[in-house]
């Protein structure tokens, strides 16, 4: 029953759902790109010197965080 109702909603509102998905993905990228540099910086502060060790993933995330908004 749930599947038939869900499919009925999708088939009737495909244009609206596509438009909403297009806007929602852009908003999600904007929000994530604005928050990631601050979050990774705070994570580095919490770990102290161990956060800057290149063997972990955190330094890479910290360096690449500003690039995500361009990409």
Protein backbone atom coordinates (compact mmCIF):
# COMPACT_ATOMS: atom_id res chain seq x y z
CA UNK A 1 0.00 0.00 0.00
CA UNK A 2 2.78 2.40 0.88
CA UNK A 3 4.59 1.75 -2.40
CA UNK A 4 1.53 2.42 -4.52
CA UNK A 5 0.80 5.67 -2.67
CA UNK A 6 4.41 6.78 -2.92
CA UNK A 7 4.59 5.96 -6.64
CA UNK A 8 1.31 7.80 -7.23
CA UNK A 9 2.68 10.91 -5.53
CA UNK A 10 5.89 10.74 -7.54
CA UNK A 11 4.15 10.23 -10.86
CA UNK A 12 1.82 13.19 -10.31
CA UNK A 13 4.43 15.66 -9.08
CA UNK A 14 7.54 14.78 -11.06
CA UNK A 15 8.24 18.34 -12.21
CA UNK A 16 7.83 19.75 -8.73
CA UNK A 17 9.97 17.05 -7.16
CA UNK A 18 12.72 17.54 -9.74
CA UNK A 19 12.72 21.29 -9.14
CA UNK A 20 12.82 20.79 -5.39
CA UNK A 21 15.65 18.26 -5.67
CA UNK A 22 17.65 20.65 -7.84
CA UNK A 23 17.28 23.49 -5.34
CA UNK A 24 17.84 21.24 -2.32
CA UNK A 25 21.10 19.86 -3.68
CA UNK A 26 22.45 23.36 -4.31
CA UNK A 27 21.44 24.47 -0.81
CA UNK A 28 23.01 21.39 0.74
CA UNK A 29 26.29 22.02 -1.09
CA UNK A 30 26.26 25.67 -0.01
CA UNK A 31 25.62 24.79 3.63
CA UNK A 32 28.27 22.06 3.71
CA UNK A 33 30.89 24.22 1.98
CA UNK A 34 30.33 27.04 4.48
CA UNK A 35 30.52 24.77 7.53
CA UNK A 36 33.33 22.37 6.60
CA UNK A 37 36.33 24.72 7.09
CA UNK A 38 35.12 25.74 10.55
CA UNK A 39 34.36 22.16 11.55
CA UNK A 40 37.69 20.76 10.37
CA UNK A 41 39.55 23.61 12.06
CA UNK A 42 37.81 22.83 15.32
CA UNK A 43 38.58 19.13 14.90
CA UNK A 44 42.27 19.98 14.47
CA UNK A 45 42.12 22.08 17.63
CA UNK A 46 40.62 19.17 19.55
CA UNK A 47 43.33 16.77 18.41
CA UNK A 48 46.16 19.21 18.94
CA UNK A 49 49.45 18.31 17.28
CA UNK A 50 48.21 14.83 16.41
CA UNK A 51 45.69 16.43 14.05
CA UNK A 52 48.44 17.73 11.79
CA UNK A 53 50.12 14.35 11.29
CA UNK A 54 49.95 13.62 7.58
CA UNK A 55 49.26 9.94 8.18
CA UNK A 56 45.69 10.78 9.19
CA UNK A 57 42.92 12.03 6.92
CA UNK A 58 42.25 15.27 8.83
CA UNK A 59 45.03 17.42 7.30
CA UNK A 60 43.83 16.51 3.82
CA UNK A 61 40.24 17.41 4.68
CA UNK A 62 41.45 20.69 6.18
CA UNK A 63 43.40 21.59 3.02
CA UNK A 64 40.64 20.57 0.61
CA UNK A 65 37.70 22.13 2.49
CA UNK A 66 37.93 25.57 0.79
CA UNK A 67 38.27 23.93 -2.64
CA UNK A 68 34.88 22.21 -2.35
CA UNK A 69 33.03 25.49 -2.84
CA UNK A 70 34.85 26.07 -6.13
CA UNK A 71 34.47 22.53 -7.41
